N, C-alpha and C. Protein backbone atom coordinates (compact mmCIF):
# COMPACT_ATOMS: atom_id res chain seq x y z
N UNK A 1 -46.96 -159.60 40.14
CA UNK A 1 -47.72 -158.43 40.54
C UNK A 1 -47.35 -158.07 41.99
N UNK A 2 -47.14 -156.78 42.21
CA UNK A 2 -46.83 -156.28 43.55
C UNK A 2 -48.07 -156.39 44.44
N UNK A 3 -47.94 -156.81 45.71
CA UNK A 3 -49.11 -156.96 46.59
C UNK A 3 -49.47 -155.69 47.35
N UNK A 4 -49.04 -154.53 46.85
CA UNK A 4 -49.30 -153.28 47.56
C UNK A 4 -49.64 -152.21 46.54
N UNK A 5 -50.57 -151.34 46.92
CA UNK A 5 -51.00 -150.24 46.03
C UNK A 5 -51.25 -149.02 46.89
N UNK A 6 -50.61 -147.92 46.58
CA UNK A 6 -50.87 -146.67 47.28
C UNK A 6 -52.13 -146.06 46.70
N UNK A 7 -53.00 -145.51 47.54
CA UNK A 7 -54.27 -144.94 47.08
C UNK A 7 -54.03 -143.84 46.03
N UNK A 8 -52.92 -143.14 46.12
CA UNK A 8 -52.62 -142.08 45.14
C UNK A 8 -52.36 -142.66 43.75
N UNK A 9 -52.00 -143.94 43.67
CA UNK A 9 -51.72 -144.59 42.39
C UNK A 9 -52.88 -145.47 41.90
N UNK A 10 -53.95 -145.53 42.65
CA UNK A 10 -55.08 -146.41 42.32
C UNK A 10 -55.88 -145.86 41.16
N UNK A 11 -56.41 -146.74 40.31
CA UNK A 11 -57.31 -146.29 39.24
C UNK A 11 -58.57 -145.66 39.85
N UNK A 12 -59.05 -144.59 39.23
CA UNK A 12 -60.22 -143.86 39.72
C UNK A 12 -61.43 -144.20 38.86
N UNK A 13 -62.54 -144.48 39.51
CA UNK A 13 -63.83 -144.68 38.84
C UNK A 13 -64.74 -143.55 39.28
N UNK A 14 -65.36 -142.85 38.33
CA UNK A 14 -66.26 -141.74 38.63
C UNK A 14 -67.69 -142.14 38.28
N UNK A 15 -68.61 -141.77 39.17
CA UNK A 15 -70.03 -142.00 38.94
C UNK A 15 -70.77 -140.68 39.15
N UNK A 16 -71.78 -140.44 38.32
CA UNK A 16 -72.59 -139.22 38.47
C UNK A 16 -73.94 -139.45 37.80
N UNK A 17 -75.00 -139.03 38.49
CA UNK A 17 -76.33 -139.08 37.91
C UNK A 17 -77.20 -138.01 38.56
N UNK A 18 -77.72 -137.11 37.73
CA UNK A 18 -78.61 -136.07 38.23
C UNK A 18 -77.93 -135.18 39.24
N UNK A 19 -78.73 -134.52 40.06
CA UNK A 19 -78.17 -133.57 41.03
C UNK A 19 -77.84 -134.19 42.38
N UNK A 20 -78.19 -135.46 42.62
CA UNK A 20 -78.01 -136.03 43.95
C UNK A 20 -76.95 -137.12 44.06
N UNK A 21 -76.45 -137.65 42.94
CA UNK A 21 -75.52 -138.77 43.01
C UNK A 21 -74.21 -138.42 42.31
N UNK A 22 -73.12 -138.54 43.07
CA UNK A 22 -71.80 -138.28 42.50
C UNK A 22 -70.74 -138.82 43.45
N UNK A 23 -69.70 -139.42 42.88
CA UNK A 23 -68.56 -139.85 43.68
C UNK A 23 -67.38 -140.16 42.77
N UNK A 24 -66.24 -140.27 43.38
CA UNK A 24 -65.07 -140.84 42.71
C UNK A 24 -64.49 -141.87 43.66
N UNK A 25 -64.14 -143.02 43.10
CA UNK A 25 -63.67 -144.13 43.91
C UNK A 25 -62.28 -144.56 43.45
N UNK A 26 -61.34 -144.58 44.38
CA UNK A 26 -60.01 -145.12 44.11
C UNK A 26 -60.09 -146.63 44.33
N UNK A 27 -59.98 -147.38 43.25
CA UNK A 27 -60.11 -148.83 43.31
C UNK A 27 -58.85 -149.46 43.90
N UNK A 28 -59.00 -150.22 44.99
CA UNK A 28 -57.85 -150.78 45.69
C UNK A 28 -57.69 -152.29 45.50
N UNK A 29 -58.72 -153.06 45.71
CA UNK A 29 -58.60 -154.52 45.74
C UNK A 29 -58.42 -155.13 44.35
N UNK A 30 -59.25 -154.76 43.41
CA UNK A 30 -59.21 -155.37 42.08
C UNK A 30 -57.87 -155.21 41.37
N UNK A 31 -57.25 -154.03 41.40
CA UNK A 31 -55.95 -153.91 40.71
C UNK A 31 -54.86 -154.82 41.29
N UNK A 32 -55.05 -155.27 42.53
CA UNK A 32 -54.09 -156.18 43.14
C UNK A 32 -54.44 -157.64 42.88
N UNK A 33 -55.55 -157.88 42.19
CA UNK A 33 -55.96 -159.24 41.86
C UNK A 33 -56.97 -159.85 42.79
N UNK A 34 -57.53 -159.08 43.73
CA UNK A 34 -58.52 -159.62 44.67
C UNK A 34 -59.78 -160.07 43.93
N UNK A 35 -60.33 -161.19 44.32
CA UNK A 35 -61.53 -161.72 43.67
C UNK A 35 -62.72 -161.85 44.61
N UNK A 36 -62.49 -162.01 45.92
CA UNK A 36 -63.57 -162.27 46.86
C UNK A 36 -63.97 -161.05 47.68
N UNK A 37 -63.07 -160.06 47.78
CA UNK A 37 -63.31 -158.86 48.57
C UNK A 37 -63.03 -157.65 47.69
N UNK A 38 -63.95 -156.69 47.71
CA UNK A 38 -63.74 -155.43 47.01
C UNK A 38 -63.40 -154.34 48.01
N UNK A 39 -62.57 -153.38 47.60
CA UNK A 39 -62.23 -152.26 48.48
C UNK A 39 -61.93 -151.04 47.63
N UNK A 40 -62.40 -149.89 48.12
CA UNK A 40 -62.11 -148.63 47.46
C UNK A 40 -62.18 -147.51 48.49
N UNK A 41 -61.57 -146.38 48.14
CA UNK A 41 -61.73 -145.17 48.92
C UNK A 41 -62.65 -144.27 48.10
N UNK A 42 -63.80 -143.95 48.69
CA UNK A 42 -64.84 -143.19 48.01
C UNK A 42 -64.86 -141.75 48.51
N UNK A 43 -64.92 -140.81 47.56
CA UNK A 43 -65.05 -139.37 47.87
C UNK A 43 -66.42 -138.93 47.37
N UNK A 44 -67.24 -138.39 48.28
CA UNK A 44 -68.58 -137.93 47.93
C UNK A 44 -68.65 -136.42 48.21
N UNK A 45 -68.97 -135.60 47.19
CA UNK A 45 -69.05 -134.15 47.41
C UNK A 45 -70.23 -133.77 48.32
N UNK A 46 -70.17 -132.57 48.90
CA UNK A 46 -71.27 -132.10 49.75
C UNK A 46 -72.63 -132.16 49.04
N UNK A 47 -73.65 -132.62 49.77
CA UNK A 47 -75.00 -132.68 49.25
C UNK A 47 -75.29 -133.87 48.36
N UNK A 48 -74.35 -134.79 48.24
CA UNK A 48 -74.51 -135.93 47.33
C UNK A 48 -74.42 -137.26 48.08
N UNK A 49 -74.82 -138.30 47.39
CA UNK A 49 -74.62 -139.68 47.82
C UNK A 49 -73.94 -140.40 46.67
N UNK A 50 -73.16 -141.43 46.97
CA UNK A 50 -72.51 -142.20 45.92
C UNK A 50 -73.51 -143.10 45.21
N UNK A 51 -74.44 -143.70 45.97
CA UNK A 51 -75.36 -144.69 45.42
C UNK A 51 -76.75 -144.50 46.00
N UNK A 52 -77.76 -145.00 45.29
CA UNK A 52 -79.12 -144.98 45.84
C UNK A 52 -79.22 -145.84 47.11
N UNK A 53 -80.24 -145.60 47.90
CA UNK A 53 -80.59 -146.40 49.07
C UNK A 53 -80.81 -147.82 48.57
N UNK A 54 -80.08 -148.80 49.13
CA UNK A 54 -80.12 -150.16 48.60
C UNK A 54 -79.79 -151.18 49.68
N UNK A 55 -80.10 -152.44 49.38
CA UNK A 55 -79.71 -153.55 50.23
C UNK A 55 -79.26 -154.70 49.35
N UNK A 56 -78.42 -155.56 49.93
CA UNK A 56 -77.87 -156.72 49.22
C UNK A 56 -78.37 -157.99 49.89
N UNK A 57 -78.81 -158.94 49.09
CA UNK A 57 -79.22 -160.22 49.67
C UNK A 57 -78.04 -161.16 49.87
N UNK A 58 -76.91 -160.97 49.16
CA UNK A 58 -75.79 -161.90 49.26
C UNK A 58 -74.55 -161.30 49.92
N UNK A 59 -74.34 -160.01 49.81
CA UNK A 59 -73.07 -159.42 50.22
C UNK A 59 -73.21 -158.48 51.41
N UNK A 60 -72.15 -158.47 52.22
CA UNK A 60 -72.08 -157.49 53.30
C UNK A 60 -71.11 -156.39 52.89
N UNK A 61 -71.32 -155.21 53.48
CA UNK A 61 -70.43 -154.08 53.22
C UNK A 61 -69.98 -153.49 54.55
N UNK A 62 -68.75 -152.98 54.53
CA UNK A 62 -68.15 -152.31 55.69
C UNK A 62 -67.66 -150.95 55.21
N UNK A 63 -67.77 -149.94 56.07
CA UNK A 63 -67.31 -148.60 55.74
C UNK A 63 -66.55 -148.03 56.93
N UNK A 64 -65.46 -147.32 56.64
CA UNK A 64 -64.70 -146.63 57.68
C UNK A 64 -64.58 -145.17 57.23
N UNK A 65 -65.15 -144.26 58.01
CA UNK A 65 -65.16 -142.85 57.64
C UNK A 65 -63.77 -142.27 57.89
N UNK A 66 -63.16 -141.74 56.84
CA UNK A 66 -61.82 -141.16 56.93
C UNK A 66 -61.89 -139.66 57.21
N UNK A 67 -62.79 -138.96 56.52
CA UNK A 67 -62.94 -137.52 56.75
C UNK A 67 -64.31 -137.06 56.28
N UNK A 68 -64.72 -135.89 56.77
CA UNK A 68 -66.02 -135.35 56.43
C UNK A 68 -67.10 -135.85 57.38
N UNK A 69 -68.31 -135.37 57.13
CA UNK A 69 -69.46 -135.77 57.95
C UNK A 69 -70.63 -136.06 57.04
N UNK A 70 -71.59 -136.77 57.58
CA UNK A 70 -72.77 -137.11 56.79
C UNK A 70 -73.79 -137.84 57.62
N UNK A 71 -74.70 -138.47 56.91
CA UNK A 71 -75.74 -139.28 57.54
C UNK A 71 -75.74 -140.66 56.90
N UNK A 72 -75.95 -141.65 57.74
CA UNK A 72 -76.11 -143.03 57.29
C UNK A 72 -77.58 -143.38 57.43
N UNK A 73 -78.22 -143.71 56.32
CA UNK A 73 -79.58 -144.24 56.36
C UNK A 73 -79.47 -145.75 56.46
N UNK A 74 -80.20 -146.34 57.41
CA UNK A 74 -80.30 -147.79 57.54
C UNK A 74 -81.74 -148.09 57.84
N UNK A 75 -82.40 -148.82 56.96
CA UNK A 75 -83.82 -149.10 57.14
C UNK A 75 -84.58 -147.79 57.26
N UNK A 76 -85.34 -147.61 58.33
CA UNK A 76 -86.12 -146.39 58.52
C UNK A 76 -85.41 -145.38 59.43
N UNK A 77 -84.15 -145.65 59.79
CA UNK A 77 -83.40 -144.80 60.72
C UNK A 77 -82.32 -144.00 59.97
N UNK A 78 -81.85 -142.93 60.60
CA UNK A 78 -80.72 -142.16 60.09
C UNK A 78 -79.78 -141.86 61.25
N UNK A 79 -78.48 -141.97 60.99
CA UNK A 79 -77.47 -141.78 62.02
C UNK A 79 -76.39 -140.84 61.50
N UNK A 80 -75.94 -139.87 62.33
CA UNK A 80 -74.83 -139.02 61.89
C UNK A 80 -73.54 -139.84 61.85
N UNK A 81 -72.66 -139.53 60.89
CA UNK A 81 -71.35 -140.17 60.82
C UNK A 81 -70.27 -139.11 60.79
N UNK A 82 -69.11 -139.47 61.32
CA UNK A 82 -67.97 -138.56 61.41
C UNK A 82 -66.69 -139.39 61.28
N UNK A 83 -65.54 -138.72 61.17
CA UNK A 83 -64.28 -139.46 61.03
C UNK A 83 -64.08 -140.50 62.13
N UNK A 84 -63.59 -141.64 61.68
CA UNK A 84 -63.24 -142.80 62.50
C UNK A 84 -64.45 -143.64 62.91
N UNK A 85 -65.62 -143.35 62.38
CA UNK A 85 -66.77 -144.24 62.58
C UNK A 85 -66.61 -145.45 61.67
N UNK A 86 -66.93 -146.63 62.21
CA UNK A 86 -66.90 -147.88 61.46
C UNK A 86 -68.33 -148.37 61.31
N UNK A 87 -68.70 -148.75 60.11
CA UNK A 87 -70.09 -149.13 59.80
C UNK A 87 -70.09 -150.52 59.18
N UNK A 88 -71.02 -151.34 59.62
CA UNK A 88 -71.23 -152.68 59.04
C UNK A 88 -72.66 -152.78 58.55
N UNK A 89 -72.85 -153.21 57.32
CA UNK A 89 -74.20 -153.45 56.79
C UNK A 89 -74.28 -154.90 56.33
N UNK A 90 -75.12 -155.69 56.99
CA UNK A 90 -75.22 -157.11 56.66
C UNK A 90 -76.10 -157.34 55.43
N UNK A 91 -76.01 -158.54 54.85
CA UNK A 91 -76.96 -158.87 53.79
C UNK A 91 -78.36 -159.02 54.39
N UNK A 92 -79.36 -158.75 53.56
CA UNK A 92 -80.74 -158.89 54.02
C UNK A 92 -81.67 -158.05 53.18
N UNK A 93 -82.88 -157.87 53.69
CA UNK A 93 -83.93 -157.17 52.95
C UNK A 93 -83.96 -155.68 53.23
N UNK A 94 -85.10 -155.03 52.94
CA UNK A 94 -85.23 -153.58 53.09
C UNK A 94 -84.91 -153.04 54.48
N UNK A 95 -85.05 -153.88 55.50
CA UNK A 95 -84.76 -153.43 56.86
C UNK A 95 -83.28 -153.09 57.05
N UNK A 96 -82.40 -153.58 56.18
CA UNK A 96 -80.97 -153.26 56.26
C UNK A 96 -80.50 -152.43 55.06
N UNK A 97 -81.45 -151.88 54.30
CA UNK A 97 -81.07 -151.00 53.20
C UNK A 97 -80.24 -149.86 53.77
N UNK A 98 -79.28 -149.38 53.01
CA UNK A 98 -78.35 -148.39 53.53
C UNK A 98 -77.91 -147.40 52.45
N UNK A 99 -77.46 -146.24 52.93
CA UNK A 99 -76.96 -145.19 52.04
C UNK A 99 -76.20 -144.18 52.89
N UNK A 100 -75.03 -143.79 52.43
CA UNK A 100 -74.27 -142.71 53.06
C UNK A 100 -74.50 -141.44 52.26
N UNK A 101 -74.89 -140.36 52.96
CA UNK A 101 -75.18 -139.07 52.34
C UNK A 101 -74.26 -138.03 52.96
N UNK A 102 -73.59 -137.25 52.13
CA UNK A 102 -72.73 -136.18 52.63
C UNK A 102 -73.60 -134.97 52.98
N UNK A 103 -73.74 -134.68 54.27
CA UNK A 103 -74.50 -133.52 54.73
C UNK A 103 -73.58 -132.41 55.22
N UNK A 104 -72.28 -132.61 55.05
CA UNK A 104 -71.30 -131.64 55.52
C UNK A 104 -70.91 -130.64 54.43
N UNK A 105 -69.84 -129.89 54.71
CA UNK A 105 -69.38 -128.83 53.81
C UNK A 105 -68.13 -129.22 53.03
N UNK A 106 -67.56 -130.40 53.32
CA UNK A 106 -66.40 -130.89 52.59
C UNK A 106 -66.69 -132.31 52.14
N UNK A 107 -65.83 -132.86 51.28
CA UNK A 107 -66.04 -134.23 50.81
C UNK A 107 -66.16 -135.19 52.00
N UNK A 108 -67.09 -136.13 51.88
CA UNK A 108 -67.19 -137.26 52.78
C UNK A 108 -66.31 -138.35 52.16
N UNK A 109 -65.30 -138.80 52.88
CA UNK A 109 -64.34 -139.77 52.35
C UNK A 109 -64.37 -141.00 53.24
N UNK A 110 -64.55 -142.17 52.61
CA UNK A 110 -64.60 -143.41 53.39
C UNK A 110 -63.98 -144.57 52.64
N UNK A 111 -63.45 -145.50 53.41
CA UNK A 111 -62.99 -146.77 52.90
C UNK A 111 -64.20 -147.68 52.84
N UNK A 112 -64.47 -148.25 51.68
CA UNK A 112 -65.58 -149.19 51.50
C UNK A 112 -65.01 -150.57 51.20
N UNK A 113 -65.48 -151.57 51.92
CA UNK A 113 -65.03 -152.95 51.74
C UNK A 113 -66.28 -153.82 51.64
N UNK A 114 -66.28 -154.75 50.67
CA UNK A 114 -67.44 -155.62 50.54
C UNK A 114 -67.03 -157.00 50.05
N UNK A 115 -67.88 -157.97 50.38
CA UNK A 115 -67.74 -159.28 49.78
C UNK A 115 -68.24 -159.16 48.34
N UNK A 116 -67.81 -160.08 47.50
CA UNK A 116 -68.17 -160.02 46.07
C UNK A 116 -68.82 -161.32 45.62
N UNK A 117 -69.80 -161.78 46.35
CA UNK A 117 -70.48 -163.02 46.00
C UNK A 117 -71.43 -162.81 44.83
N UNK A 118 -71.38 -163.74 43.89
CA UNK A 118 -72.29 -163.71 42.74
C UNK A 118 -73.05 -165.03 42.69
N UNK A 119 -74.25 -165.04 42.22
CA UNK A 119 -75.03 -163.87 41.81
C UNK A 119 -75.45 -163.06 43.02
N UNK A 120 -75.69 -161.79 42.78
CA UNK A 120 -76.12 -160.85 43.82
C UNK A 120 -77.47 -160.26 43.43
N UNK A 121 -78.36 -160.19 44.40
CA UNK A 121 -79.65 -159.53 44.20
C UNK A 121 -79.67 -158.33 45.14
N UNK A 122 -79.97 -157.15 44.57
CA UNK A 122 -80.02 -155.92 45.36
C UNK A 122 -81.40 -155.29 45.20
N UNK A 123 -81.90 -154.73 46.29
CA UNK A 123 -83.18 -154.04 46.26
C UNK A 123 -82.98 -152.55 46.45
N UNK A 124 -83.86 -151.75 45.86
CA UNK A 124 -83.80 -150.29 45.92
C UNK A 124 -85.15 -149.78 46.43
N UNK A 125 -85.32 -149.69 47.76
CA UNK A 125 -86.62 -149.33 48.34
C UNK A 125 -87.19 -147.98 47.90
N UNK A 126 -86.34 -146.97 47.64
CA UNK A 126 -86.86 -145.66 47.24
C UNK A 126 -87.54 -145.69 45.88
N UNK A 127 -87.11 -146.59 45.01
CA UNK A 127 -87.66 -146.62 43.64
C UNK A 127 -88.43 -147.90 43.33
N UNK A 128 -88.37 -148.90 44.22
CA UNK A 128 -89.09 -150.15 43.99
C UNK A 128 -88.42 -151.07 42.99
N UNK A 129 -87.16 -150.82 42.64
CA UNK A 129 -86.47 -151.66 41.67
C UNK A 129 -85.77 -152.83 42.36
N UNK A 130 -85.42 -153.82 41.55
CA UNK A 130 -84.58 -154.93 41.97
C UNK A 130 -83.49 -155.09 40.93
N UNK A 131 -82.27 -155.33 41.38
CA UNK A 131 -81.16 -155.55 40.46
C UNK A 131 -80.54 -156.91 40.72
N UNK A 132 -80.10 -157.54 39.64
CA UNK A 132 -79.43 -158.83 39.74
C UNK A 132 -78.10 -158.73 39.01
N UNK A 133 -77.01 -158.99 39.72
CA UNK A 133 -75.67 -158.97 39.12
C UNK A 133 -75.22 -160.41 38.95
N UNK A 134 -74.80 -160.74 37.72
CA UNK A 134 -74.33 -162.10 37.47
C UNK A 134 -72.84 -162.15 37.13
N UNK A 135 -72.27 -161.01 36.70
CA UNK A 135 -70.82 -160.89 36.51
C UNK A 135 -70.42 -159.49 36.94
N UNK A 136 -69.14 -159.33 37.33
CA UNK A 136 -68.71 -158.02 37.78
C UNK A 136 -67.21 -157.86 37.67
N UNK A 137 -66.78 -156.70 37.21
CA UNK A 137 -65.38 -156.30 37.22
C UNK A 137 -65.31 -155.03 38.06
N UNK A 138 -64.79 -155.13 39.29
CA UNK A 138 -64.82 -153.99 40.20
C UNK A 138 -63.95 -152.83 39.74
N UNK A 139 -62.96 -153.07 38.91
CA UNK A 139 -62.11 -151.98 38.43
C UNK A 139 -62.86 -151.09 37.44
N UNK A 140 -63.60 -151.69 36.54
CA UNK A 140 -64.30 -150.91 35.52
C UNK A 140 -65.77 -150.67 35.84
N UNK A 141 -66.32 -151.47 36.74
CA UNK A 141 -67.75 -151.38 37.01
C UNK A 141 -68.56 -152.12 35.97
N UNK A 142 -67.87 -152.72 35.00
CA UNK A 142 -68.56 -153.44 33.93
C UNK A 142 -69.01 -154.80 34.44
N UNK A 143 -69.92 -155.37 33.72
CA UNK A 143 -70.42 -156.69 34.06
C UNK A 143 -71.90 -156.75 33.72
N UNK A 144 -72.49 -157.85 33.97
CA UNK A 144 -73.90 -158.05 33.65
C UNK A 144 -74.72 -157.72 34.89
N UNK A 145 -75.50 -156.62 34.82
CA UNK A 145 -76.35 -156.18 35.92
C UNK A 145 -77.71 -155.89 35.33
N UNK A 146 -78.72 -156.65 35.74
CA UNK A 146 -80.06 -156.52 35.21
C UNK A 146 -80.94 -155.80 36.22
N UNK A 147 -81.68 -154.78 35.76
CA UNK A 147 -82.57 -154.01 36.62
C UNK A 147 -84.01 -154.31 36.23
N UNK A 148 -84.87 -154.53 37.22
CA UNK A 148 -86.28 -154.81 36.94
C UNK A 148 -87.17 -153.95 37.83
N UNK A 149 -88.29 -153.56 37.28
CA UNK A 149 -89.34 -152.86 38.02
C UNK A 149 -90.64 -153.44 37.50
N UNK A 150 -91.41 -154.06 38.38
CA UNK A 150 -92.62 -154.76 37.96
C UNK A 150 -93.62 -153.84 37.27
N UNK A 151 -93.52 -152.52 37.49
CA UNK A 151 -94.50 -151.61 36.91
C UNK A 151 -94.08 -151.06 35.55
N UNK A 152 -92.87 -151.41 35.06
CA UNK A 152 -92.37 -150.87 33.80
C UNK A 152 -91.76 -151.98 32.95
N UNK A 153 -91.72 -151.76 31.64
CA UNK A 153 -91.09 -152.73 30.75
C UNK A 153 -89.56 -152.65 30.81
N UNK A 154 -89.02 -151.44 30.84
CA UNK A 154 -87.57 -151.25 30.88
C UNK A 154 -87.23 -150.17 31.89
N UNK A 155 -86.16 -150.39 32.66
CA UNK A 155 -85.69 -149.39 33.61
C UNK A 155 -84.16 -149.39 33.59
N UNK A 156 -83.58 -148.26 34.02
CA UNK A 156 -82.14 -148.18 34.18
C UNK A 156 -81.81 -148.12 35.67
N UNK A 157 -80.54 -148.19 35.98
CA UNK A 157 -80.08 -148.16 37.37
C UNK A 157 -80.59 -146.93 38.10
N UNK A 158 -80.60 -145.76 37.45
CA UNK A 158 -80.94 -144.51 38.11
C UNK A 158 -82.44 -144.18 38.04
N UNK A 159 -83.26 -144.91 37.30
CA UNK A 159 -84.69 -144.63 37.22
C UNK A 159 -85.33 -144.63 38.60
N UNK A 160 -86.11 -143.58 38.87
CA UNK A 160 -86.85 -143.48 40.12
C UNK A 160 -86.04 -143.02 41.31
N UNK A 161 -84.76 -142.81 41.12
CA UNK A 161 -83.90 -142.36 42.22
C UNK A 161 -83.83 -140.84 42.20
N UNK A 162 -84.83 -140.19 42.78
CA UNK A 162 -84.91 -138.73 42.69
C UNK A 162 -84.18 -138.01 43.82
N UNK A 163 -83.68 -138.73 44.80
CA UNK A 163 -82.87 -138.12 45.84
C UNK A 163 -83.64 -137.32 46.88
N UNK A 164 -84.95 -137.54 47.00
CA UNK A 164 -85.74 -136.79 47.99
C UNK A 164 -85.16 -136.91 49.39
N UNK A 165 -84.78 -138.11 49.79
CA UNK A 165 -84.25 -138.30 51.15
C UNK A 165 -82.92 -137.57 51.31
N UNK A 166 -82.12 -137.51 50.25
CA UNK A 166 -80.85 -136.78 50.32
C UNK A 166 -81.13 -135.31 50.54
N UNK A 167 -82.08 -134.75 49.81
CA UNK A 167 -82.43 -133.33 49.96
C UNK A 167 -82.96 -133.06 51.37
N UNK A 168 -83.75 -133.99 51.92
CA UNK A 168 -84.28 -133.81 53.27
C UNK A 168 -83.16 -133.82 54.30
N UNK A 169 -82.19 -134.72 54.16
CA UNK A 169 -81.08 -134.76 55.09
C UNK A 169 -80.21 -133.52 54.96
N UNK A 170 -80.04 -133.05 53.74
CA UNK A 170 -79.23 -131.86 53.51
C UNK A 170 -79.87 -130.64 54.18
N UNK A 171 -81.20 -130.60 54.21
CA UNK A 171 -81.92 -129.46 54.79
C UNK A 171 -81.95 -129.52 56.31
N UNK A 172 -81.80 -130.72 56.88
CA UNK A 172 -81.83 -130.86 58.34
C UNK A 172 -80.51 -130.40 58.93
N UNK A 173 -80.56 -129.79 60.13
CA UNK A 173 -79.30 -129.36 60.76
C UNK A 173 -78.42 -130.57 61.08
N UNK A 174 -77.11 -130.44 60.85
CA UNK A 174 -76.16 -131.51 61.12
C UNK A 174 -75.86 -131.59 62.60
N UNK A 175 -75.73 -132.81 63.09
CA UNK A 175 -75.34 -133.01 64.49
C UNK A 175 -73.86 -132.72 64.62
N UNK A 176 -73.42 -132.15 65.74
CA UNK A 176 -71.97 -131.85 65.92
C UNK A 176 -71.14 -133.10 66.01
C-alpha cells in the first residue's frame, strides 16, 4: 500500500440530517491503513454544522481551518474561526463539548484529526443523549454505536438535535 493519498483521490463520506446538519468528508487516514489516528478534510455548507454539539470522554480532536468562516462552540462559549486557526478539543465532560458551525457565505473547510480510542463514550448536551462506540470503521462510518437517552426507550443519533444554537449563530452578525 502506498503511504500517500491526495485529498482529491480520497473516498468521500456524506452526512446529512434535517436542515442544520450536512457535510462531506474526504477520508485520509483510514484508506492508508491508520488505526490509532483518524483524519479527514470536512466541507460544511453555509448555515450548517457537520455534527451535533458533543464531547468525548476518551478521544481528543484537532481542527485546522483551511477556508471559510464560522463559530466554534466550546462549553458555554462561542469563538469566531477563520482560515489558519488551529483548534484543540481535549477529552472530558460537557465543559469541553464542541461544535463547528458555518456562519459564513462559503463552505467552511477544515482538516479534522482525532485519536481513535475504543471504547468511546460521547455526550450530547443539547439533546441529553449519551453514545457509546465499541467498534468503528472510519472509512465507512460503520461500527457499533449505541445511543441512550434516560427519558426514552429508543433514540437515534439525530434525535433531539434541532439545531437551535446553529440558527442563533447564523442570525448573529459574523465577526470580521
